PDB file of all heavy atoms in Angstrom:
ATOM      1  N   TRP A   1     260.180  43.000 -53.037  1.00  0.00           N
ATOM      2  CA  TRP A   1     259.331  43.958 -53.569  1.00  0.00           C
ATOM      3  C   TRP A   1     257.903  43.411 -53.961  1.00  0.00           C
ATOM      4  O   TRP A   1     257.028  43.780 -53.396  1.00  0.00           O
ATOM      5  CB  TRP A   1     260.055  44.649 -54.686  1.00  0.00           C
ATOM      6  CG  TRP A   1     259.338  45.811 -55.263  1.00  0.00           C
ATOM      7  CD1 TRP A   1     258.481  45.893 -56.450  1.00  0.00           C
ATOM      8  CD2 TRP A   1     259.136  47.123 -54.710  1.00  0.00           C
ATOM      9  NE1 TRP A   1     257.773  46.970 -56.581  1.00  0.00           N
ATOM     10  CE2 TRP A   1     258.192  47.844 -55.532  1.00  0.00           C
ATOM     11  CE3 TRP A   1     259.645  47.769 -53.635  1.00  0.00           C
ATOM     12  CZ2 TRP A   1     257.880  49.175 -55.396  1.00  0.00           C
ATOM     13  CZ3 TRP A   1     259.354  49.132 -53.424  1.00  0.00           C
ATOM     14  CH2 TRP A   1     258.399  49.752 -54.231  1.00  0.00           C
ATOM     15  N   GLY A   2     257.957  42.356 -54.840  1.00  0.00           N
ATOM     16  CA  GLY A   2     256.827  41.821 -55.335  1.00  0.00           C
ATOM     17  C   GLY A   2     256.836  41.677 -56.800  1.00  0.00           C
ATOM     18  O   GLY A   2     257.767  41.619 -57.444  1.00  0.00           O
ATOM     19  N   LEU A   3     255.524  41.667 -57.392  1.00  0.00           N
ATOM     20  CA  LEU A   3     255.467  41.527 -58.777  1.00  0.00           C
ATOM     21  C   LEU A   3     255.644  42.864 -59.558  1.00  0.00           C
ATOM     22  O   LEU A   3     255.174  43.816 -59.132  1.00  0.00           O
ATOM     23  CB  LEU A   3     254.078  40.927 -59.204  1.00  0.00           C
ATOM     24  CG  LEU A   3     253.836  39.453 -59.092  1.00  0.00           C
ATOM     25  CD1 LEU A   3     253.568  39.011 -57.564  1.00  0.00           C
ATOM     26  CD2 LEU A   3     252.628  38.988 -59.792  1.00  0.00           C
ATOM     27  N   GLU A   4     256.450  42.805 -60.434  1.00  0.00           N
ATOM     28  CA  GLU A   4     256.734  43.931 -61.305  1.00  0.00           C
ATOM     29  C   GLU A   4     255.427  44.500 -61.980  1.00  0.00           C
ATOM     30  O   GLU A   4     254.784  43.776 -62.530  1.00  0.00           O
ATOM     31  CB  GLU A   4     257.780  43.638 -62.435  1.00  0.00           C
ATOM     32  CG  GLU A   4     258.485  44.787 -63.007  1.00  0.00           C
ATOM     33  CD  GLU A   4     259.565  44.389 -63.902  1.00  0.00           C
ATOM     34  OE1 GLU A   4     259.290  44.084 -65.189  1.00  0.00           O
ATOM     35  OE2 GLU A   4     260.751  44.445 -63.521  1.00  0.00           O
ATOM     36  N   GLY A   5     255.111  45.691 -61.580  1.00  0.00           N
ATOM     37  CA  GLY A   5     253.899  46.300 -62.276  1.00  0.00           C
ATOM     38  C   GLY A   5     252.688  46.210 -61.380  1.00  0.00           C
ATOM     39  O   GLY A   5     251.604  46.674 -61.761  1.00  0.00           O
ATOM     40  N   ASP A   6     252.739  45.503 -60.269  1.00  0.00           N
ATOM     41  CA  ASP A   6     251.608  45.230 -59.414  1.00  0.00           C
ATOM     42  C   ASP A   6     251.520  46.509 -58.295  1.00  0.00           C
ATOM     43  O   ASP A   6     252.610  46.795 -57.687  1.00  0.00           O
ATOM     44  CB  ASP A   6     251.650  43.986 -58.585  1.00  0.00           C
ATOM     45  CG  ASP A   6     250.450  43.773 -57.692  1.00  0.00           C
ATOM     46  OD1 ASP A   6     249.398  43.781 -58.344  1.00  0.00           O
ATOM     47  OD2 ASP A   6     250.639  43.410 -56.657  1.00  0.00           O
ATOM     48  N   ALA A   7     250.393  47.075 -58.105  1.00  0.00           N
ATOM     49  CA  ALA A   7     250.255  48.244 -57.344  1.00  0.00           C
ATOM     50  C   ALA A   7     250.557  47.915 -55.854  1.00  0.00           C
ATOM     51  O   ALA A   7     250.784  48.789 -54.984  1.00  0.00           O
ATOM     52  CB  ALA A   7     248.875  48.781 -57.437  1.00  0.00           C
ATOM     53  N   HIS A   8     250.439  46.546 -55.379  1.00  0.00           N
ATOM     54  CA  HIS A   8     250.486  46.334 -54.033  1.00  0.00           C
ATOM     55  C   HIS A   8     251.960  45.820 -53.655  1.00  0.00           C
ATOM     56  O   HIS A   8     252.208  45.485 -52.437  1.00  0.00           O
ATOM     57  CB  HIS A   8     249.506  45.205 -53.667  1.00  0.00           C
ATOM     58  CG  HIS A   8     248.106  45.688 -53.755  1.00  0.00           C
ATOM     59  ND1 HIS A   8     247.356  45.561 -54.923  1.00  0.00           N
ATOM     60  CD2 HIS A   8     247.314  46.247 -52.874  1.00  0.00           C
ATOM     61  CE1 HIS A   8     246.123  46.107 -54.777  1.00  0.00           C
ATOM     62  NE2 HIS A   8     246.100  46.479 -53.451  1.00  0.00           N
ATOM     63  N   ALA A   9     252.808  45.851 -54.683  1.00  0.00           N
ATOM     64  CA  ALA A   9     254.278  45.638 -54.416  1.00  0.00           C
ATOM     65  C   ALA A   9     254.844  46.657 -53.483  1.00  0.00           C
ATOM     66  O   ALA A   9     254.441  47.813 -53.530  1.00  0.00           O
ATOM     67  CB  ALA A   9     255.081  45.375 -55.609  1.00  0.00           C
ATOM     68  N   GLY A  10     255.946  46.298 -52.791  1.00  0.00           N
ATOM     69  CA  GLY A  10     256.538  47.283 -51.935  1.00  0.00           C
ATOM     70  C   GLY A  10     257.376  46.572 -50.817  1.00  0.00           C
ATOM     71  O   GLY A  10     257.441  45.426 -50.687  1.00  0.00           O
ATOM     72  N   LYS A  11     258.109  47.422 -50.082  1.00  0.00           N
ATOM     73  CA  LYS A  11     259.016  46.921 -48.980  1.00  0.00           C
ATOM     74  C   LYS A  11     258.068  46.671 -47.763  1.00  0.00           C
ATOM     75  O   LYS A  11     258.193  47.559 -46.795  1.00  0.00           O
ATOM     76  CB  LYS A  11     260.063  47.727 -48.827  1.00  0.00           C
ATOM     77  CG  LYS A  11     261.241  47.783 -49.890  1.00  0.00           C
ATOM     78  CD  LYS A  11     262.367  48.493 -49.480  1.00  0.00           C
ATOM     79  CE  LYS A  11     263.567  48.115 -50.573  1.00  0.00           C
ATOM     80  NZ  LYS A  11     264.086  46.785 -50.562  1.00  0.00           N
ATOM     81  N   TRP A  12     257.271  45.694 -47.847  1.00  0.00           N
ATOM     82  CA  TRP A  12     256.357  45.324 -46.630  1.00  0.00           C
ATOM     83  C   TRP A  12     256.354  43.825 -46.497  1.00  0.00           C
ATOM     84  O   TRP A  12     256.842  43.148 -47.421  1.00  0.00           O
ATOM     85  CB  TRP A  12     255.204  46.167 -46.610  1.00  0.00           C
ATOM     86  CG  TRP A  12     254.214  45.844 -47.655  1.00  0.00           C
ATOM     87  CD1 TRP A  12     254.458  45.560 -49.058  1.00  0.00           C
ATOM     88  CD2 TRP A  12     252.706  45.836 -47.571  1.00  0.00           C
ATOM     89  NE1 TRP A  12     253.269  45.317 -49.745  1.00  0.00           N
ATOM     90  CE2 TRP A  12     252.249  45.525 -48.856  1.00  0.00           C
ATOM     91  CE3 TRP A  12     251.840  45.977 -46.523  1.00  0.00           C
ATOM     92  CZ2 TRP A  12     250.887  45.247 -49.175  1.00  0.00           C
ATOM     93  CZ3 TRP A  12     250.564  45.764 -46.808  1.00  0.00           C
ATOM     94  CH2 TRP A  12     250.052  45.474 -48.128  1.00  0.00           C
ATOM     95  N   HIS A  13     255.519  43.359 -45.757  1.00  0.00           N
ATOM     96  CA  HIS A  13     255.363  41.906 -45.511  1.00  0.00           C
ATOM     97  C   HIS A  13     254.337  41.155 -46.223  1.00  0.00           C
ATOM     98  O   HIS A  13     254.360  40.057 -46.433  1.00  0.00           O
ATOM     99  CB  HIS A  13     255.280  41.562 -44.006  1.00  0.00           C
ATOM    100  CG  HIS A  13     253.788  41.981 -43.606  1.00  0.00           C
ATOM    101  ND1 HIS A  13     253.394  43.332 -43.421  1.00  0.00           N
ATOM    102  CD2 HIS A  13     252.627  41.205 -43.282  1.00  0.00           C
ATOM    103  CE1 HIS A  13     252.121  43.290 -42.947  1.00  0.00           C
ATOM    104  NE2 HIS A  13     251.754  42.061 -42.857  1.00  0.00           N
ATOM    105  N   ARG A  14     253.693  42.008 -47.153  1.00  0.00           N
ATOM    106  CA  ARG A  14     252.641  41.424 -47.975  1.00  0.00           C
ATOM    107  C   ARG A  14     252.834  41.770 -49.274  1.00  0.00           C
ATOM    108  O   ARG A  14     252.079  42.368 -50.009  1.00  0.00           O
ATOM    109  CB  ARG A  14     251.242  41.907 -47.479  1.00  0.00           C
ATOM    110  CG  ARG A  14     250.641  41.195 -46.098  1.00  0.00           C
ATOM    111  CD  ARG A  14     249.563  41.901 -45.472  1.00  0.00           C
ATOM    112  NE  ARG A  14     248.482  42.521 -46.354  1.00  0.00           N
ATOM    113  CZ  ARG A  14     247.369  43.121 -45.893  1.00  0.00           C
ATOM    114  NH1 ARG A  14     247.274  43.222 -44.747  1.00  0.00           N
ATOM    115  NH2 ARG A  14     246.492  43.504 -46.732  1.00  0.00           N
ATOM    116  N   GLN A  15     253.905  41.226 -49.878  1.00  0.00           N
ATOM    117  CA  GLN A  15     254.355  41.662 -51.316  1.00  0.00           C
ATOM    118  C   GLN A  15     253.741  40.702 -52.310  1.00  0.00           C
ATOM    119  O   GLN A  15     253.388  41.344 -53.352  1.00  0.00           O
ATOM    120  CB  GLN A  15     255.836  41.452 -51.421  1.00  0.00           C
ATOM    121  CG  GLN A  15     256.664  42.359 -50.403  1.00  0.00           C
ATOM    122  CD  GLN A  15     258.133  41.965 -50.388  1.00  0.00           C
ATOM    123  OE1 GLN A  15     258.597  40.919 -50.794  1.00  0.00           O
ATOM    124  NE2 GLN A  15     258.912  42.984 -49.721  1.00  0.00           N
ATOM    125  N   VAL A  16     253.399  39.552 -51.944  1.00  0.00           N
ATOM    126  CA  VAL A  16     252.635  38.640 -52.955  1.00  0.00           C
ATOM    127  C   VAL A  16     251.754  37.807 -52.199  1.00  0.00           C
ATOM    128  O   VAL A  16     251.835  37.134 -51.199  1.00  0.00           O
ATOM    129  CB  VAL A  16     253.770  37.732 -53.676  1.00  0.00           C
ATOM    130  CG1 VAL A  16     252.921  36.686 -54.631  1.00  0.00           C
ATOM    131  CG2 VAL A  16     254.764  38.319 -54.273  1.00  0.00           C
ATOM    132  N   SER A  17     250.456  37.818 -52.778  1.00  0.00           N
ATOM    133  CA  SER A  17     249.250  37.047 -52.106  1.00  0.00           C
ATOM    134  C   SER A  17     249.052  35.846 -52.928  1.00  0.00           C
ATOM    135  O   SER A  17     249.222  35.851 -54.138  1.00  0.00           O
ATOM    136  CB  SER A  17     248.066  37.879 -52.024  1.00  0.00           C
ATOM    137  OG  SER A  17     247.665  38.404 -53.360  1.00  0.00           O
ATOM    138  N   LEU A  18     248.781  34.689 -52.165  1.00  0.00           N
ATOM    139  CA  LEU A  18     248.474  33.459 -52.884  1.00  0.00           C
ATOM    140  C   LEU A  18     247.211  32.731 -52.446  1.00  0.00           C
ATOM    141  O   LEU A  18     246.800  33.027 -51.283  1.00  0.00           O
ATOM    142  CB  LEU A  18     249.677  32.436 -52.536  1.00  0.00           C
ATOM    143  CG  LEU A  18     251.000  32.714 -52.930  1.00  0.00           C
ATOM    144  CD1 LEU A  18     251.760  33.605 -51.904  1.00  0.00           C
ATOM    145  CD2 LEU A  18     251.801  31.583 -53.283  1.00  0.00           C
ATOM    146  N   LEU A  19     246.555  31.985 -53.217  1.00  0.00           N
ATOM    147  CA  LEU A  19     245.288  31.377 -52.904  1.00  0.00           C
ATOM    148  C   LEU A  19     245.239  30.181 -53.579  1.00  0.00           C
ATOM    149  O   LEU A  19     245.719  29.919 -54.642  1.00  0.00           O
ATOM    150  CB  LEU A  19     244.089  32.324 -53.353  1.00  0.00           C
ATOM    151  CG  LEU A  19     242.630  31.963 -52.897  1.00  0.00           C
ATOM    152  CD1 LEU A  19     242.663  32.085 -51.377  1.00  0.00           C
ATOM    153  CD2 LEU A  19     241.682  32.954 -53.409  1.00  0.00           C
ATOM    154  N   SER A  20     244.724  29.102 -52.843  1.00  0.00           N
ATOM    155  CA  SER A  20     244.714  27.730 -53.543  1.00  0.00           C
ATOM    156  C   SER A  20     243.550  27.573 -54.447  1.00  0.00           C
ATOM    157  O   SER A  20     242.516  28.225 -54.341  1.00  0.00           O
ATOM    158  CB  SER A  20     244.361  26.699 -52.447  1.00  0.00           C
ATOM    159  OG  SER A  20     245.381  26.679 -51.384  1.00  0.00           O
ATOM    160  N   GLY A  21     243.835  27.092 -55.728  1.00  0.00           N
ATOM    161  CA  GLY A  21     242.939  26.889 -56.693  1.00  0.00           C
ATOM    162  C   GLY A  21     241.663  26.137 -56.323  1.00  0.00           C
ATOM    163  O   GLY A  21     240.452  26.335 -56.678  1.00  0.00           O
ATOM    164  N   GLU A  22     241.892  24.983 -55.406  1.00  0.00           N
ATOM    165  CA  GLU A  22     240.819  24.229 -54.996  1.00  0.00           C
ATOM    166  C   GLU A  22     239.759  25.019 -54.228  1.00  0.00           C
ATOM    167  O   GLU A  22     238.567  24.704 -54.227  1.00  0.00           O
ATOM    168  CB  GLU A  22     241.319  22.968 -54.272  1.00  0.00           C
ATOM    169  CG  GLU A  22     242.142  21.997 -54.952  1.00  0.00           C
ATOM    170  CD  GLU A  22     243.594  22.355 -55.221  1.00  0.00           C
ATOM    171  OE1 GLU A  22     244.077  23.555 -54.837  1.00  0.00           O
ATOM    172  OE2 GLU A  22     244.380  21.405 -55.749  1.00  0.00           O
ATOM    173  N   LYS A  23     240.368  26.033 -53.401  1.00  0.00           N
ATOM    174  CA  LYS A  23     239.415  26.868 -52.587  1.00  0.00           C
ATOM    175  C   LYS A  23     238.596  27.766 -53.457  1.00  0.00           C
ATOM    176  O   LYS A  23     237.345  27.951 -53.144  1.00  0.00           O
ATOM    177  CB  LYS A  23     240.270  27.768 -51.648  1.00  0.00           C
ATOM    178  CG  LYS A  23     241.111  26.929 -50.676  1.00  0.00           C
ATOM    179  CD  LYS A  23     240.284  25.972 -49.827  1.00  0.00           C
ATOM    180  CE  LYS A  23     241.296  25.041 -48.847  1.00  0.00           C
ATOM    181  NZ  LYS A  23     240.647  24.104 -48.017  1.00  0.00           N
ATOM    182  N   ILE A  24     239.130  28.173 -54.683  1.00  0.00           N
ATOM    183  CA  ILE A  24     238.430  29.173 -55.542  1.00  0.00           C
ATOM    184  C   ILE A  24     237.329  28.135 -56.292  1.00  0.00           C
ATOM    185  O   ILE A  24     236.105  28.671 -56.493  1.00  0.00           O
ATOM    186  CB  ILE A  24     239.331  29.720 -56.475  1.00  0.00           C
ATOM    187  CG1 ILE A  24     240.285  30.731 -55.871  1.00  0.00           C
ATOM    188  CG2 ILE A  24     238.478  30.497 -57.544  1.00  0.00           C
ATOM    189  CD1 ILE A  24     241.360  31.334 -56.713  1.00  0.00           C
ATOM    190  N   ASP A  25     237.683  26.999 -56.630  1.00  0.00           N
ATOM    191  CA  ASP A  25     236.716  26.156 -57.289  1.00  0.00           C
ATOM    192  C   ASP A  25     235.550  25.755 -56.358  1.00  0.00           C
ATOM    193  O   ASP A  25     234.412  25.668 -56.834  1.00  0.00           O
ATOM    194  CB  ASP A  25     237.516  24.744 -57.766  1.00  0.00           C
ATOM    195  CG  ASP A  25     238.335  25.042 -58.987  1.00  0.00           C
ATOM    196  OD1 ASP A  25     238.287  26.058 -59.584  1.00  0.00           O
ATOM    197  OD2 ASP A  25     239.314  24.228 -59.089  1.00  0.00           O
ATOM    198  N   ALA A  26     235.836  25.489 -55.151  1.00  0.00           N
ATOM    199  CA  ALA A  26     234.845  25.251 -54.106  1.00  0.00           C
ATOM    200  C   ALA A  26     233.741  26.350 -53.912  1.00  0.00           C
ATOM    201  O   ALA A  26     232.614  26.184 -53.872  1.00  0.00           O
ATOM    202  CB  ALA A  26     235.383  24.845 -52.797  1.00  0.00           C
ATOM    203  N   PHE A  27     234.404  27.574 -53.954  1.00  0.00           N
ATOM    204  CA  PHE A  27     233.655  28.838 -53.864  1.00  0.00           C
ATOM    205  C   PHE A  27     232.738  29.042 -55.148  1.00  0.00           C
ATOM    206  O   PHE A  27     231.539  29.309 -55.134  1.00  0.00           O
ATOM    207  CB  PHE A  27     234.521  29.976 -53.668  1.00  0.00           C
ATOM    208  CG  PHE A  27     233.833  31.168 -53.184  1.00  0.00           C
ATOM    209  CD1 PHE A  27     233.305  31.333 -51.862  1.00  0.00           C
ATOM    210  CD2 PHE A  27     233.742  32.307 -54.038  1.00  0.00           C
ATOM    211  CE1 PHE A  27     232.616  32.482 -51.474  1.00  0.00           C
ATOM    212  CE2 PHE A  27     233.050  33.473 -53.604  1.00  0.00           C
ATOM    213  CZ  PHE A  27     232.560  33.525 -52.188  1.00  0.00           C
ATOM    214  N   ARG A  28     233.348  28.672 -56.365  1.00  0.00           N
ATOM    215  CA  ARG A  28     232.493  28.773 -57.559  1.00  0.00           C
ATOM    216  C   ARG A  28     231.403  27.776 -57.576  1.00  0.00           C
ATOM    217  O   ARG A  28     230.300  28.040 -58.053  1.00  0.00           O
ATOM    218  CB  ARG A  28     233.424  28.549 -58.783  1.00  0.00           C
ATOM    219  CG  ARG A  28     234.439  29.645 -59.079  1.00  0.00           C
ATOM    220  CD  ARG A  28     235.390  29.223 -60.063  1.00  0.00           C
ATOM    221  NE  ARG A  28     236.319  30.465 -60.493  1.00  0.00           N
ATOM    222  CZ  ARG A  28     237.441  30.447 -60.897  1.00  0.00           C
ATOM    223  NH1 ARG A  28     237.936  29.188 -61.073  1.00  0.00           N
ATOM    224  NH2 ARG A  28     238.196  31.477 -61.245  1.00  0.00           N
ATOM    225  N   ALA A  29     231.665  26.611 -56.910  1.00  0.00           N
ATOM    226  CA  ALA A  29     230.564  25.542 -56.919  1.00  0.00           C
ATOM    227  C   ALA A  29     229.390  25.982 -56.036  1.00  0.00           C
ATOM    228  O   ALA A  29     228.398  25.450 -56.218  1.00  0.00           O
ATOM    229  CB  ALA A  29     231.076  24.304 -56.328  1.00  0.00           C
ATOM    230  N   LYS A  30     229.565  27.055 -55.305  1.00  0.00           N
ATOM    231  CA  LYS A  30     228.375  27.627 -54.516  1.00  0.00           C
ATOM    232  C   LYS A  30     227.570  28.416 -55.504  1.00  0.00           C
ATOM    233  O   LYS A  30     226.631  29.176 -54.814  1.00  0.00           O
ATOM    234  CB  LYS A  30     228.795  28.213 -53.234  1.00  0.00           C
ATOM    235  CG  LYS A  30     229.537  27.338 -52.257  1.00  0.00           C
ATOM    236  CD  LYS A  30     230.119  28.006 -51.048  1.00  0.00           C
ATOM    237  CE  LYS A  30     230.695  27.088 -49.973  1.00  0.00           C
ATOM    238  NZ  LYS A  30     231.178  27.937 -48.899  1.00  0.00           N
ATOM    239  N   GLY A  31     228.038  28.687 -56.581  1.00  0.00           N
ATOM    240  CA  GLY A  31     227.412  29.799 -57.498  1.00  0.00           C
ATOM    241  C   GLY A  31     227.940  31.091 -57.803  1.00  0.00           C
ATOM    242  O   GLY A  31     227.434  31.917 -58.611  1.00  0.00           O
ATOM    243  N   ALA A  32     229.160  31.210 -57.219  1.00  0.00           N
ATOM    244  CA  ALA A  32     229.843  32.449 -57.345  1.00  0.00           C
ATOM    245  C   ALA A  32     230.583  32.516 -58.666  1.00  0.00           C
ATOM    246  O   ALA A  32     231.192  31.615 -59.052  1.00  0.00           O
ATOM    247  CB  ALA A  32     230.813  32.556 -56.200  1.00  0.00           C
ATOM    248  N   GLU A  33     230.315  33.681 -59.395  1.00  0.00           N
ATOM    249  CA  GLU A  33     231.138  33.791 -60.627  1.00  0.00           C
ATOM    250  C   GLU A  33     232.227  34.846 -60.422  1.00  0.00           C
ATOM    251  O   GLU A  33     232.143  36.130 -60.367  1.00  0.00           O
ATOM    252  CB  GLU A  33     230.001  34.395 -61.752  1.00  0.00           C
ATOM    253  CG  GLU A  33     228.914  33.559 -62.036  1.00  0.00           C
ATOM    254  CD  GLU A  33     228.016  34.170 -63.051  1.00  0.00           C
ATOM    255  OE1 GLU A  33     228.352  35.336 -63.476  1.00  0.00           O
ATOM    256  OE2 GLU A  33     227.019  33.584 -63.280  1.00  0.00           O
ATOM    257  N   VAL A  34     233.377  34.175 -60.245  1.00  0.00           N
ATOM    258  CA  VAL A  34     234.630  35.032 -59.881  1.00  0.00           C
ATOM    259  C   VAL A  34     235.682  34.649 -60.837  1.00  0.00           C
ATOM    260  O   VAL A  34     235.940  33.468 -61.099  1.00  0.00           O
ATOM    261  CB  VAL A  34     235.046  34.701 -58.422  1.00  0.00           C
ATOM    262  CG1 VAL A  34     234.108  35.337 -57.466  1.00  0.00           C
ATOM    263  CG2 VAL A  34     235.229  33.225 -58.054  1.00  0.00           C
ATOM    264  N   GLU A  35     236.471  35.628 -61.261  1.00  0.00           N
ATOM    265  CA  GLU A  35     237.649  35.379 -62.126  1.00  0.00           C
ATOM    266  C   GLU A  35     238.845  35.280 -61.250  1.00  0.00           C
ATOM    267  O   GLU A  35     238.811  35.745 -60.032  1.00  0.00           O
ATOM    268  CB  GLU A  35     237.768  36.562 -63.252  1.00  0.00           C
ATOM    269  CG  GLU A  35     236.634  36.604 -64.137  1.00  0.00           C
ATOM    270  CD  GLU A  35     236.627  37.964 -65.018  1.00  0.00           C
ATOM    271  OE1 GLU A  35     237.650  38.617 -64.786  1.00  0.00           O
ATOM    272  OE2 GLU A  35     235.875  38.105 -65.822  1.00  0.00           O
ATOM    273  N   ASP A  36     239.874  34.689 -61.880  1.00  0.00           N
ATOM    274  CA  ASP A  36     241.160  34.717 -61.128  1.00  0.00           C
ATOM    275  C   ASP A  36     241.551  36.115 -60.868  1.00  0.00           C
ATOM    276  O   ASP A  36     241.523  36.958 -61.729  1.00  0.00           O
ATOM    277  CB  ASP A  36     242.241  33.980 -62.138  1.00  0.00           C
ATOM    278  CG  ASP A  36     241.952  32.444 -62.194  1.00  0.00           C
ATOM    279  OD1 ASP A  36     241.452  31.892 -61.274  1.00  0.00           O
ATOM    280  OD2 ASP A  36     242.268  32.119 -63.344  1.00  0.00           O
ATOM    281  N   GLY A  37     242.097  36.384 -59.617  1.00  0.00           N
ATOM    282  CA  GLY A  37     242.329  37.788 -59.254  1.00  0.00           C
ATOM    283  C   GLY A  37     241.327  38.546 -58.539  1.00  0.00           C
ATOM    284  O   GLY A  37     241.622  39.527 -58.009  1.00  0.00           O
ATOM    285  N   ALA A  38     240.048  37.910 -58.550  1.00  0.00           N
ATOM    286  CA  ALA A  38     238.976  38.585 -57.904  1.00  0.00           C
ATOM    287  C   ALA A  38     239.062  38.895 -56.450  1.00  0.00           C
ATOM    288  O   ALA A  38     238.550  39.722 -55.925  1.00  0.00           O
ATOM    289  CB  ALA A  38     237.660  37.993 -58.319  1.00  0.00           C
ATOM    290  N   PHE A  39     239.795  37.866 -55.739  1.00  0.00           N
ATOM    291  CA  PHE A  39     240.022  38.151 -54.264  1.00  0.00           C
ATOM    292  C   PHE A  39     241.238  38.803 -53.979  1.00  0.00           C
ATOM    293  O   PHE A  39     241.616  39.026 -52.674  1.00  0.00           O
ATOM    294  CB  PHE A  39     240.177  36.701 -53.673  1.00  0.00           C
ATOM    295  CG  PHE A  39     238.974  35.706 -53.815  1.00  0.00           C
ATOM    296  CD1 PHE A  39     238.873  34.794 -54.876  1.00  0.00           C
ATOM    297  CD2 PHE A  39     237.806  35.993 -53.019  1.00  0.00           C
ATOM    298  CE1 PHE A  39     237.750  34.038 -54.961  1.00  0.00           C
ATOM    299  CE2 PHE A  39     236.755  35.139 -53.288  1.00  0.00           C
ATOM    300  CZ  PHE A  39     236.629  34.155 -54.257  1.00  0.00           C
ATOM    301  N   GLY A  40     241.914  39.505 -54.887  1.00  0.00           N
ATOM    302  CA  GLY A  40     243.097  40.347 -54.703  1.00  0.00           C
ATOM    303  C   GLY A  40     244.390  39.356 -54.674  1.00  0.00           C
ATOM    304  O   GLY A  40     245.463  39.855 -54.429  1.00  0.00           O
ATOM    305  N   GLU A  41     244.222  38.116 -55.132  1.00  0.00           N
ATOM    306  CA  GLU A  41     245.423  37.170 -55.097  1.00  0.00           C
ATOM    307  C   GLU A  41     246.283  37.393 -56.276  1.00  0.00           C
ATOM    308  O   GLU A  41     245.880  37.623 -57.339  1.00  0.00           O
ATOM    309  CB  GLU A  41     244.955  35.668 -55.062  1.00  0.00           C
ATOM    310  CG  GLU A  41     244.525  35.190 -56.311  1.00  0.00           C
ATOM    311  CD  GLU A  41     242.925  35.384 -56.561  1.00  0.00           C
ATOM    312  OE1 GLU A  41     242.343  36.322 -55.852  1.00  0.00           O
ATOM    313  OE2 GLU A  41     242.389  34.861 -57.482  1.00  0.00           O
TER     314      GLU A  41
END
């Protein structure tokens, strides 16, 4: 299913999304102000 309470949970192949913390940090280093979850992860 996915995460309890998450709108994107369901009986499909994209139940939980993941992103590497290092990739977010590298993106922030370019000047982006993004919070955790901003990419839909």
